[in-house]
Amino acid sequence: MTLFKTKEKSTRYRAPVSQLWAASNGDLEKWATDPDCIDKEECGAYLTKRLAELARLQAEREDARARKRAELQDNPFDPRTEVSADAAFTASRIVKHLWIIFVLLPVVLAVLWAVMK
């Protein structure tokens, strides 16, 4: 016989409701189906809302992809008016070196030839 009654430990727990946005779908599904979770209704509602949003975004992506594919079927060429930074850098280096080889070097050699004569 004990003087103090020990409190039984409950297996019920709370899900981190304030951070449901950071939880994975697996965690939300686990909490929503666990009978010991106190916040299972909130987790289930948030999971349903998240899955509906993901389905909506997937449908939008598929629709945009289908529209782009149809547009490319009509006009398969996609001319670009912009030049990438890498291409501009490479072109400037090539032009600079060609200018040195074909303009500056002959001028310097002509001046040296004239001075040496």
N, C-alpha and C. Protein backbone atom coordinates (compact mmCIF):
# COMPACT_ATOMS: atom_id res chain seq x y z
N MET A 1 0.84 -1.17 0.00
CA MET A 1 0.00 0.00 0.00
C MET A 1 0.89 1.24 0.00
N THR A 2 0.59 2.14 -0.90
CA THR A 2 1.40 3.34 -1.00
C THR A 2 0.62 4.53 -0.48
N LEU A 3 1.34 5.48 0.01
CA LEU A 3 0.70 6.68 0.52
C LEU A 3 0.27 7.63 -0.60
N PHE A 4 1.11 7.67 -1.62
CA PHE A 4 0.81 8.58 -2.73
C PHE A 4 0.38 7.77 -3.95
N LYS A 5 -0.69 8.19 -4.51
CA LYS A 5 -1.17 7.51 -5.71
C LYS A 5 -0.38 8.05 -6.90
N THR A 6 0.24 7.18 -7.62
CA THR A 6 1.00 7.63 -8.78
C THR A 6 0.04 7.87 -9.93
N LYS A 7 0.32 8.92 -10.63
CA LYS A 7 -0.53 9.29 -11.75
C LYS A 7 -0.15 8.44 -12.96
N GLU A 8 -1.16 7.89 -13.58
CA GLU A 8 -0.90 7.09 -14.77
C GLU A 8 -0.50 8.02 -15.91
N LYS A 9 0.46 7.59 -16.66
CA LYS A 9 0.94 8.39 -17.77
C LYS A 9 0.02 8.19 -18.96
N SER A 10 -0.47 9.27 -19.51
CA SER A 10 -1.38 9.22 -20.64
C SER A 10 -0.58 9.09 -21.93
N THR A 11 -1.13 8.37 -22.87
CA THR A 11 -0.46 8.22 -24.16
C THR A 11 -0.94 9.28 -25.16
N ARG A 12 -1.87 10.11 -24.74
CA ARG A 12 -2.37 11.16 -25.64
C ARG A 12 -1.34 12.27 -25.73
N TYR A 13 -1.25 12.86 -26.92
CA TYR A 13 -0.26 13.91 -27.14
C TYR A 13 -0.83 14.96 -28.08
N ARG A 14 -0.16 16.09 -28.13
CA ARG A 14 -0.56 17.18 -29.02
C ARG A 14 0.42 17.27 -30.19
N ALA A 15 -0.14 17.49 -31.35
CA ALA A 15 0.69 17.74 -32.53
C ALA A 15 1.11 19.21 -32.50
N PRO A 16 2.24 19.55 -33.10
CA PRO A 16 2.67 20.95 -33.11
C PRO A 16 1.81 21.77 -34.09
N VAL A 17 0.63 22.18 -33.63
CA VAL A 17 -0.35 22.85 -34.49
C VAL A 17 0.19 24.17 -35.03
N SER A 18 1.02 24.85 -34.27
CA SER A 18 1.53 26.14 -34.73
C SER A 18 2.53 25.98 -35.88
N GLN A 19 3.03 24.78 -36.08
CA GLN A 19 4.02 24.56 -37.14
C GLN A 19 3.58 23.46 -38.10
N LEU A 20 2.31 23.39 -38.40
CA LEU A 20 1.83 22.39 -39.34
C LEU A 20 2.36 22.65 -40.74
N TRP A 21 2.62 23.90 -41.06
CA TRP A 21 3.13 24.25 -42.38
C TRP A 21 4.49 23.61 -42.64
N ALA A 22 5.25 23.33 -41.58
CA ALA A 22 6.59 22.76 -41.73
C ALA A 22 6.58 21.23 -41.68
N ALA A 23 5.47 20.64 -41.30
CA ALA A 23 5.40 19.19 -41.17
C ALA A 23 5.25 18.54 -42.54
N SER A 24 5.78 17.35 -42.67
CA SER A 24 5.65 16.62 -43.94
C SER A 24 4.25 16.03 -44.04
N ASN A 25 3.89 15.63 -45.26
CA ASN A 25 2.58 15.01 -45.46
C ASN A 25 2.47 13.71 -44.68
N GLY A 26 3.57 12.99 -44.56
CA GLY A 26 3.56 11.75 -43.80
C GLY A 26 3.28 11.98 -42.33
N ASP A 27 3.91 13.02 -41.77
CA ASP A 27 3.65 13.35 -40.36
C ASP A 27 2.20 13.78 -40.17
N LEU A 28 1.71 14.61 -41.08
CA LEU A 28 0.32 15.06 -40.96
C LEU A 28 -0.64 13.88 -41.06
N GLU A 29 -0.37 12.95 -41.96
CA GLU A 29 -1.23 11.78 -42.10
C GLU A 29 -1.16 10.91 -40.85
N LYS A 30 0.04 10.79 -40.27
CA LYS A 30 0.20 9.99 -39.05
C LYS A 30 -0.60 10.61 -37.90
N TRP A 31 -0.50 11.94 -37.76
CA TRP A 31 -1.22 12.61 -36.67
C TRP A 31 -2.72 12.59 -36.91
N ALA A 32 -3.15 12.71 -38.16
CA ALA A 32 -4.57 12.75 -38.46
C ALA A 32 -5.23 11.39 -38.24
N THR A 33 -4.49 10.31 -38.38
CA THR A 33 -5.08 8.98 -38.21
C THR A 33 -4.80 8.37 -36.85
N ASP A 34 -3.97 9.01 -36.04
CA ASP A 34 -3.61 8.46 -34.72
C ASP A 34 -4.72 8.79 -33.72
N PRO A 35 -5.32 7.78 -33.10
CA PRO A 35 -6.40 8.06 -32.13
C PRO A 35 -5.89 8.73 -30.85
N ASP A 36 -4.60 8.67 -30.58
CA ASP A 36 -4.06 9.29 -29.37
C ASP A 36 -3.72 10.76 -29.57
N CYS A 37 -3.77 11.25 -30.79
CA CYS A 37 -3.44 12.65 -31.06
C CYS A 37 -4.64 13.52 -30.73
N ILE A 38 -4.42 14.51 -29.91
CA ILE A 38 -5.50 15.40 -29.49
C ILE A 38 -5.92 16.32 -30.64
N ASP A 39 -4.98 16.71 -31.48
CA ASP A 39 -5.25 17.66 -32.55
C ASP A 39 -5.44 16.98 -33.90
N LYS A 40 -6.02 15.78 -33.92
CA LYS A 40 -6.11 15.06 -35.18
C LYS A 40 -7.07 15.71 -36.16
N GLU A 41 -8.10 16.40 -35.69
CA GLU A 41 -9.02 17.08 -36.61
C GLU A 41 -8.33 18.22 -37.33
N GLU A 42 -7.55 19.01 -36.57
CA GLU A 42 -6.82 20.11 -37.19
C GLU A 42 -5.79 19.61 -38.20
N CYS A 43 -5.10 18.53 -37.84
CA CYS A 43 -4.10 17.96 -38.74
C CYS A 43 -4.75 17.42 -40.00
N GLY A 44 -5.88 16.76 -39.84
CA GLY A 44 -6.60 16.22 -40.99
C GLY A 44 -7.10 17.33 -41.90
N ALA A 45 -7.64 18.39 -41.31
CA ALA A 45 -8.12 19.52 -42.12
C ALA A 45 -6.98 20.19 -42.85
N TYR A 46 -5.85 20.37 -42.17
CA TYR A 46 -4.70 21.00 -42.82
C TYR A 46 -4.14 20.11 -43.93
N LEU A 47 -4.10 18.81 -43.69
CA LEU A 47 -3.61 17.88 -44.72
C LEU A 47 -4.52 17.90 -45.94
N THR A 48 -5.83 17.93 -45.71
CA THR A 48 -6.78 17.99 -46.83
C THR A 48 -6.60 19.27 -47.61
N LYS A 49 -6.43 20.39 -46.89
CA LYS A 49 -6.23 21.67 -47.56
C LYS A 49 -4.92 21.67 -48.36
N ARG A 50 -3.86 21.12 -47.77
CA ARG A 50 -2.57 21.08 -48.45
C ARG A 50 -2.62 20.21 -49.70
N LEU A 51 -3.26 19.04 -49.60
CA LEU A 51 -3.36 18.16 -50.76
C LEU A 51 -4.20 18.77 -51.87
N ALA A 52 -5.26 19.51 -51.49
CA ALA A 52 -6.07 20.20 -52.50
C ALA A 52 -5.25 21.28 -53.20
N GLU A 53 -4.45 22.01 -52.45
CA GLU A 53 -3.60 23.05 -53.03
C GLU A 53 -2.54 22.45 -53.95
N LEU A 54 -1.94 21.33 -53.53
CA LEU A 54 -0.96 20.65 -54.39
C LEU A 54 -1.61 20.14 -55.67
N ALA A 55 -2.81 19.62 -55.57
CA ALA A 55 -3.51 19.14 -56.77
C ALA A 55 -3.83 20.30 -57.70
N ARG A 56 -4.22 21.46 -57.13
CA ARG A 56 -4.52 22.63 -57.94
C ARG A 56 -3.26 23.13 -58.65
N LEU A 57 -2.14 23.19 -57.94
CA LEU A 57 -0.89 23.64 -58.54
C LEU A 57 -0.42 22.67 -59.63
N GLN A 58 -0.59 21.37 -59.39
CA GLN A 58 -0.21 20.37 -60.40
C GLN A 58 -1.07 20.53 -61.65
N ALA A 59 -2.36 20.78 -61.46
CA ALA A 59 -3.25 20.97 -62.62
C ALA A 59 -2.86 22.23 -63.39
N GLU A 60 -2.50 23.30 -62.67
CA GLU A 60 -2.05 24.53 -63.35
C GLU A 60 -0.78 24.28 -64.14
N ARG A 61 0.17 23.55 -63.56
CA ARG A 61 1.43 23.24 -64.27
C ARG A 61 1.16 22.41 -65.52
N GLU A 62 0.29 21.42 -65.38
CA GLU A 62 -0.04 20.59 -66.54
C GLU A 62 -0.73 21.41 -67.62
N ASP A 63 -1.61 22.32 -67.22
CA ASP A 63 -2.30 23.18 -68.18
C ASP A 63 -1.31 24.11 -68.88
N ALA A 64 -0.39 24.69 -68.13
CA ALA A 64 0.62 25.57 -68.73
C ALA A 64 1.52 24.78 -69.66
N ARG A 65 1.89 23.58 -69.28
CA ARG A 65 2.73 22.74 -70.14
C ARG A 65 2.00 22.38 -71.43
N ALA A 66 0.70 22.07 -71.32
CA ALA A 66 -0.08 21.73 -72.52
C ALA A 66 -0.22 22.95 -73.44
N ARG A 67 -0.45 24.14 -72.85
CA ARG A 67 -0.53 25.35 -73.67
C ARG A 67 0.79 25.63 -74.37
N LYS A 68 1.91 25.48 -73.66
CA LYS A 68 3.22 25.71 -74.25
C LYS A 68 3.50 24.70 -75.37
N ARG A 69 3.11 23.46 -75.13
CA ARG A 69 3.32 22.43 -76.14
C ARG A 69 2.49 22.73 -77.40
N ALA A 70 1.24 23.18 -77.21
CA ALA A 70 0.40 23.53 -78.36
C ALA A 70 0.98 24.74 -79.09
N GLU A 71 1.49 25.71 -78.35
CA GLU A 71 2.10 26.89 -78.96
C GLU A 71 3.34 26.50 -79.76
N LEU A 72 4.14 25.59 -79.23
CA LEU A 72 5.34 25.15 -79.94
C LEU A 72 4.99 24.29 -81.16
N GLN A 73 3.85 23.62 -81.13
CA GLN A 73 3.41 22.89 -82.32
C GLN A 73 3.08 23.86 -83.45
N ASP A 74 2.45 25.00 -83.10
CA ASP A 74 2.11 26.01 -84.10
C ASP A 74 3.35 26.74 -84.59
N ASN A 75 4.25 27.08 -83.68
CA ASN A 75 5.46 27.81 -84.03
C ASN A 75 6.63 27.14 -83.32
N PRO A 76 7.32 26.21 -83.99
CA PRO A 76 8.35 25.43 -83.30
C PRO A 76 9.61 26.23 -82.96
N PHE A 77 9.81 27.38 -83.57
CA PHE A 77 11.02 28.15 -83.30
C PHE A 77 10.73 29.21 -82.26
N ASP A 78 11.61 29.33 -81.32
CA ASP A 78 11.47 30.30 -80.24
C ASP A 78 12.67 31.24 -80.31
N PRO A 79 12.60 32.28 -81.16
CA PRO A 79 13.75 33.17 -81.28
C PRO A 79 13.97 33.95 -79.99
N ARG A 80 15.23 34.09 -79.63
CA ARG A 80 15.56 34.80 -78.40
C ARG A 80 16.14 36.16 -78.76
N THR A 81 15.71 37.15 -78.06
CA THR A 81 16.21 38.50 -78.30
C THR A 81 17.27 38.88 -77.29
N GLU A 82 17.43 38.08 -76.27
CA GLU A 82 18.42 38.39 -75.24
C GLU A 82 19.68 37.56 -75.46
N VAL A 83 20.80 38.10 -75.02
CA VAL A 83 22.06 37.38 -75.08
C VAL A 83 22.46 37.07 -73.64
N SER A 84 22.83 35.84 -73.40
CA SER A 84 23.19 35.46 -72.04
C SER A 84 24.48 36.14 -71.61
N ALA A 85 24.68 36.24 -70.34
CA ALA A 85 25.87 36.89 -69.79
C ALA A 85 27.13 36.10 -70.18
N ASP A 86 27.04 34.78 -70.19
CA ASP A 86 28.19 33.96 -70.57
C ASP A 86 28.58 34.20 -72.03
N ALA A 87 27.56 34.27 -72.90
CA ALA A 87 27.85 34.50 -74.31
C ALA A 87 28.45 35.89 -74.53
N ALA A 88 27.94 36.89 -73.84
CA ALA A 88 28.48 38.24 -73.98
C ALA A 88 29.94 38.29 -73.49
N PHE A 89 30.24 37.63 -72.39
CA PHE A 89 31.60 37.62 -71.86
C PHE A 89 32.55 36.93 -72.84
N THR A 90 32.13 35.76 -73.34
CA THR A 90 32.97 35.01 -74.27
C THR A 90 33.19 35.80 -75.56
N ALA A 91 32.14 36.41 -76.08
CA ALA A 91 32.26 37.20 -77.31
C ALA A 91 33.19 38.40 -77.11
N SER A 92 33.09 39.06 -75.97
CA SER A 92 33.96 40.22 -75.74
C SER A 92 35.43 39.79 -75.65
N ARG A 93 35.69 38.65 -75.02
CA ARG A 93 37.07 38.15 -74.95
C ARG A 93 37.61 37.79 -76.33
N ILE A 94 36.79 37.16 -77.14
CA ILE A 94 37.22 36.79 -78.49
C ILE A 94 37.50 38.02 -79.32
N VAL A 95 36.60 39.00 -79.28
CA VAL A 95 36.78 40.23 -80.06
C VAL A 95 38.03 40.97 -79.60
N LYS A 96 38.26 41.02 -78.30
CA LYS A 96 39.45 41.71 -77.78
C LYS A 96 40.73 41.05 -78.28
N HIS A 97 40.77 39.73 -78.22
CA HIS A 97 41.99 39.04 -78.66
C HIS A 97 42.18 39.15 -80.18
N LEU A 98 41.12 39.07 -80.94
CA LEU A 98 41.25 39.25 -82.38
C LEU A 98 41.73 40.66 -82.73
N TRP A 99 41.25 41.67 -81.99
CA TRP A 99 41.67 43.04 -82.24
C TRP A 99 43.17 43.18 -81.95
N ILE A 100 43.62 42.54 -80.87
CA ILE A 100 45.05 42.61 -80.53
C ILE A 100 45.88 41.95 -81.62
N ILE A 101 45.43 40.78 -82.10
CA ILE A 101 46.22 40.04 -83.08
C ILE A 101 46.23 40.75 -84.44
N PHE A 102 45.08 41.21 -84.93
CA PHE A 102 44.99 41.71 -86.30
C PHE A 102 45.13 43.22 -86.43
N VAL A 103 45.05 44.00 -85.35
CA VAL A 103 45.17 45.46 -85.45
C VAL A 103 46.39 45.95 -84.69
N LEU A 104 46.45 45.69 -83.42
CA LEU A 104 47.51 46.25 -82.59
C LEU A 104 48.88 45.64 -82.92
N LEU A 105 48.95 44.34 -83.06
CA LEU A 105 50.22 43.70 -83.36
C LEU A 105 50.83 44.17 -84.69
N PRO A 106 50.05 44.24 -85.78
CA PRO A 106 50.65 44.76 -87.02
C PRO A 106 51.11 46.22 -86.90
N VAL A 107 50.36 47.04 -86.15
CA VAL A 107 50.77 48.44 -85.98
C VAL A 107 52.08 48.51 -85.20
N VAL A 108 52.18 47.74 -84.13
CA VAL A 108 53.41 47.74 -83.32
C VAL A 108 54.57 47.22 -84.15
N LEU A 109 54.36 46.15 -84.92
CA LEU A 109 55.43 45.62 -85.76
C LEU A 109 55.84 46.61 -86.85
N ALA A 110 54.89 47.36 -87.41
CA ALA A 110 55.22 48.36 -88.44
C ALA A 110 56.04 49.50 -87.82
N VAL A 111 55.68 49.91 -86.62
CA VAL A 111 56.44 50.96 -85.94
C VAL A 111 57.84 50.45 -85.63
N LEU A 112 57.98 49.26 -85.12
CA LEU A 112 59.29 48.69 -84.83
C LEU A 112 60.10 48.53 -86.11
N TRP A 113 59.50 48.14 -87.20
CA TRP A 113 60.20 47.98 -88.49
C TRP A 113 60.72 49.33 -88.97
N ALA A 114 59.88 50.37 -88.78
CA ALA A 114 60.29 51.71 -89.23
C ALA A 114 61.44 52.22 -88.37
N VAL A 115 61.40 51.94 -87.07
CA VAL A 115 62.44 52.41 -86.16
C VAL A 115 63.75 51.67 -86.44
N MET A 116 63.67 50.38 -86.76
CA MET A 116 64.87 49.58 -86.99
C MET A 116 65.54 49.88 -88.32
N LYS A 117 64.87 50.46 -89.28
CA LYS A 117 65.46 50.75 -90.58
C LYS A 117 66.35 51.92 -90.55
